[in-house]
Amino acid sequence: HTSYGTLLGLVLAEAKPERAQELAKRAWEFGQSRVICGA
């Protein structure tokens, strides 16, 4: 889950460069939530 969420966020950041920072931040937050949950 962590890797997939991070990958998807980075791909979307490449597709939408004007929102790259926001998307990368959200991808990192998603990854951290999965680590905390143990998923």
PDB file of N, CA and C in Angstrom:
ATOM      1  N   HIS A   1       0.813  -1.195   0.000  1.00  0.00           N
ATOM      2  CA  HIS A   1       0.000   0.000   0.000  1.00  0.00           C
ATOM      3  C   HIS A   1       0.858   1.262   0.000  1.00  0.00           C
ATOM      4  N   THR A   2       1.884   1.253   0.819  1.00  0.00           N
ATOM      5  CA  THR A   2       2.737   2.435   0.921  1.00  0.00           C
ATOM      6  C   THR A   2       3.409   2.745  -0.400  1.00  0.00           C
ATOM      7  N   SER A   3       4.001   1.734  -1.010  1.00  0.00           N
ATOM      8  CA  SER A   3       4.710   1.944  -2.281  1.00  0.00           C
ATOM      9  C   SER A   3       3.758   2.370  -3.383  1.00  0.00           C
ATOM     10  N   TYR A   4       2.607   1.732  -3.456  1.00  0.00           N
ATOM     11  CA  TYR A   4       1.642   2.065  -4.504  1.00  0.00           C
ATOM     12  C   TYR A   4       1.133   3.500  -4.343  1.00  0.00           C
ATOM     13  N   GLY A   5       0.801   3.881  -3.144  1.00  0.00           N
ATOM     14  CA  GLY A   5       0.311   5.242  -2.903  1.00  0.00           C
ATOM     15  C   GLY A   5       1.354   6.295  -3.230  1.00  0.00           C
ATOM     16  N   THR A   6       2.593   6.025  -2.852  1.00  0.00           N
ATOM     17  CA  THR A   6       3.677   6.952  -3.149  1.00  0.00           C
ATOM     18  C   THR A   6       3.916   7.034  -4.649  1.00  0.00           C
ATOM     19  N   LEU A   7       3.952   5.889  -5.309  1.00  0.00           N
ATOM     20  CA  LEU A   7       4.149   5.861  -6.760  1.00  0.00           C
ATOM     21  C   LEU A   7       3.043   6.627  -7.474  1.00  0.00           C
ATOM     22  N   LEU A   8       1.813   6.386  -7.096  1.00  0.00           N
ATOM     23  CA  LEU A   8       0.689   7.061  -7.738  1.00  0.00           C
ATOM     24  C   LEU A   8       0.779   8.576  -7.540  1.00  0.00           C
ATOM     25  N   GLY A   9       1.134   8.993  -6.354  1.00  0.00           N
ATOM     26  CA  GLY A   9       1.286  10.426  -6.096  1.00  0.00           C
ATOM     27  C   GLY A   9       2.372  11.054  -6.942  1.00  0.00           C
ATOM     28  N   LEU A  10       3.485  10.353  -7.114  1.00  0.00           N
ATOM     29  CA  LEU A  10       4.578  10.885  -7.922  1.00  0.00           C
ATOM     30  C   LEU A  10       4.219  10.924  -9.401  1.00  0.00           C
ATOM     31  N   VAL A  11       3.500   9.916  -9.872  1.00  0.00           N
ATOM     32  CA  VAL A  11       3.048   9.908 -11.270  1.00  0.00           C
ATOM     33  C   VAL A  11       2.088  11.073 -11.510  1.00  0.00           C
ATOM     34  N   LEU A  12       1.164  11.277 -10.597  1.00  0.00           N
ATOM     35  CA  LEU A  12       0.232  12.395 -10.738  1.00  0.00           C
ATOM     36  C   LEU A  12       0.959  13.740 -10.676  1.00  0.00           C
ATOM     37  N   ALA A  13       1.987  13.822  -9.850  1.00  0.00           N
ATOM     38  CA  ALA A  13       2.771  15.054  -9.765  1.00  0.00           C
ATOM     39  C   ALA A  13       3.466  15.351 -11.092  1.00  0.00           C
ATOM     40  N   GLU A  14       3.923  14.318 -11.776  1.00  0.00           N
ATOM     41  CA  GLU A  14       4.530  14.505 -13.099  1.00  0.00           C
ATOM     42  C   GLU A  14       3.481  14.938 -14.117  1.00  0.00           C
ATOM     43  N   ALA A  15       2.280  14.398 -14.001  1.00  0.00           N
ATOM     44  CA  ALA A  15       1.212  14.719 -14.947  1.00  0.00           C
ATOM     45  C   ALA A  15       0.664  16.130 -14.726  1.00  0.00           C
ATOM     46  N   LYS A  16       0.702  16.596 -13.502  1.00  0.00           N
ATOM     47  CA  LYS A  16       0.175  17.923 -13.151  1.00  0.00           C
ATOM     48  C   LYS A  16       1.263  18.729 -12.447  1.00  0.00           C
ATOM     49  N   PRO A  17       2.255  19.215 -13.191  1.00  0.00           N
ATOM     50  CA  PRO A  17       3.385  19.906 -12.553  1.00  0.00           C
ATOM     51  C   PRO A  17       2.980  21.114 -11.702  1.00  0.00           C
ATOM     52  N   GLU A  18       1.873  21.758 -12.053  1.00  0.00           N
ATOM     53  CA  GLU A  18       1.451  22.926 -11.275  1.00  0.00           C
ATOM     54  C   GLU A  18       0.980  22.540  -9.875  1.00  0.00           C
ATOM     55  N   ARG A  19       0.680  21.270  -9.657  1.00  0.00           N
ATOM     56  CA  ARG A  19       0.245  20.793  -8.332  1.00  0.00           C
ATOM     57  C   ARG A  19       1.219  19.768  -7.756  1.00  0.00           C
ATOM     58  N   ALA A  20       2.424  19.709  -8.314  1.00  0.00           N
ATOM     59  CA  ALA A  20       3.391  18.673  -7.940  1.00  0.00           C
ATOM     60  C   ALA A  20       3.698  18.671  -6.446  1.00  0.00           C
ATOM     61  N   GLN A  21       3.937  19.829  -5.884  1.00  0.00           N
ATOM     62  CA  GLN A  21       4.292  19.894  -4.458  1.00  0.00           C
ATOM     63  C   GLN A  21       3.156  19.357  -3.588  1.00  0.00           C
ATOM     64  N   GLU A  22       1.950  19.775  -3.880  1.00  0.00           N
ATOM     65  CA  GLU A  22       0.776  19.333  -3.117  1.00  0.00           C
ATOM     66  C   GLU A  22       0.572  17.818  -3.249  1.00  0.00           C
ATOM     67  N   LEU A  23       0.713  17.302  -4.467  1.00  0.00           N
ATOM     68  CA  LEU A  23       0.516  15.868  -4.698  1.00  0.00           C
ATOM     69  C   LEU A  23       1.607  15.035  -4.030  1.00  0.00           C
ATOM     70  N   ALA A  24       2.854  15.487  -4.115  1.00  0.00           N
ATOM     71  CA  ALA A  24       3.952  14.757  -3.486  1.00  0.00           C
ATOM     72  C   ALA A  24       3.778  14.739  -1.965  1.00  0.00           C
ATOM     73  N   LYS A  25       3.345  15.851  -1.397  1.00  0.00           N
ATOM     74  CA  LYS A  25       3.110  15.917   0.055  1.00  0.00           C
ATOM     75  C   LYS A  25       2.006  14.946   0.462  1.00  0.00           C
ATOM     76  N   ARG A  26       0.924  14.939  -0.309  1.00  0.00           N
ATOM     77  CA  ARG A  26      -0.195  14.037   0.007  1.00  0.00           C
ATOM     78  C   ARG A  26       0.219  12.581  -0.139  1.00  0.00           C
ATOM     79  N   ALA A  27       1.033  12.271  -1.144  1.00  0.00           N
ATOM     80  CA  ALA A  27       1.523  10.902  -1.324  1.00  0.00           C
ATOM     81  C   ALA A  27       2.359  10.480  -0.118  1.00  0.00           C
ATOM     82  N   TRP A  28       3.205  11.381   0.378  1.00  0.00           N
ATOM     83  CA  TRP A  28       4.037  11.068   1.540  1.00  0.00           C
ATOM     84  C   TRP A  28       3.155  10.846   2.773  1.00  0.00           C
ATOM     85  N   GLU A  29       2.152  11.695   2.958  1.00  0.00           N
ATOM     86  CA  GLU A  29       1.233  11.539   4.095  1.00  0.00           C
ATOM     87  C   GLU A  29       0.488  10.209   4.021  1.00  0.00           C
ATOM     88  N   PHE A  30       0.058   9.840   2.817  1.00  0.00           N
ATOM     89  CA  PHE A  30      -0.630   8.559   2.647  1.00  0.00           C
ATOM     90  C   PHE A  30       0.304   7.411   3.022  1.00  0.00           C
ATOM     91  N   GLY A  31       1.535   7.460   2.531  1.00  0.00           N
ATOM     92  CA  GLY A  31       2.503   6.416   2.848  1.00  0.00           C
ATOM     93  C   GLY A  31       2.735   6.292   4.340  1.00  0.00           C
ATOM     94  N   GLN A  32       2.865   7.420   5.017  1.00  0.00           N
ATOM     95  CA  GLN A  32       3.078   7.397   6.462  1.00  0.00           C
ATOM     96  C   GLN A  32       1.876   6.821   7.197  1.00  0.00           C
ATOM     97  N   SER A  33       0.677   7.101   6.716  1.00  0.00           N
ATOM     98  CA  SER A  33      -0.514   6.560   7.374  1.00  0.00           C
ATOM     99  C   SER A  33      -0.546   5.043   7.258  1.00  0.00           C
ATOM    100  N   ARG A  34      -0.055   4.507   6.148  1.00  0.00           N
ATOM    101  CA  ARG A  34      -0.033   3.058   5.956  1.00  0.00           C
ATOM    102  C   ARG A  34       1.028   2.419   6.854  1.00  0.00           C
ATOM    103  N   VAL A  35       2.139   3.095   7.058  1.00  0.00           N
ATOM    104  CA  VAL A  35       3.185   2.573   7.944  1.00  0.00           C
ATOM    105  C   VAL A  35       2.658   2.529   9.374  1.00  0.00           C
ATOM    106  N   ILE A  36       1.994   3.599   9.790  1.00  0.00           N
ATOM    107  CA  ILE A  36       1.454   3.677  11.151  1.00  0.00           C
ATOM    108  C   ILE A  36       0.418   2.580  11.382  1.00  0.00           C
ATOM    109  N   CYS A  37      -0.405   2.312  10.364  1.00  0.00           N
ATOM    110  CA  CYS A  37      -1.450   1.284  10.474  1.00  0.00           C
ATOM    111  C   CYS A  37      -0.894  -0.132  10.327  1.00  0.00           C
ATOM    112  N   GLY A  38       0.326  -0.237   9.828  1.00  0.00           N
ATOM    113  CA  GLY A  38       0.921  -1.556   9.630  1.00  0.00           C
ATOM    114  C   GLY A  38       0.457  -2.235   8.351  1.00  0.00           C
ATOM    115  N   ALA A  39      -0.073  -1.467   7.423  1.00  0.00           N
ATOM    116  CA  ALA A  39      -0.550  -2.049   6.159  1.00  0.00           C
ATOM    117  C   ALA A  39       0.553  -2.102   5.131  1.00  0.00           C
TER     118      ALA A  39
END
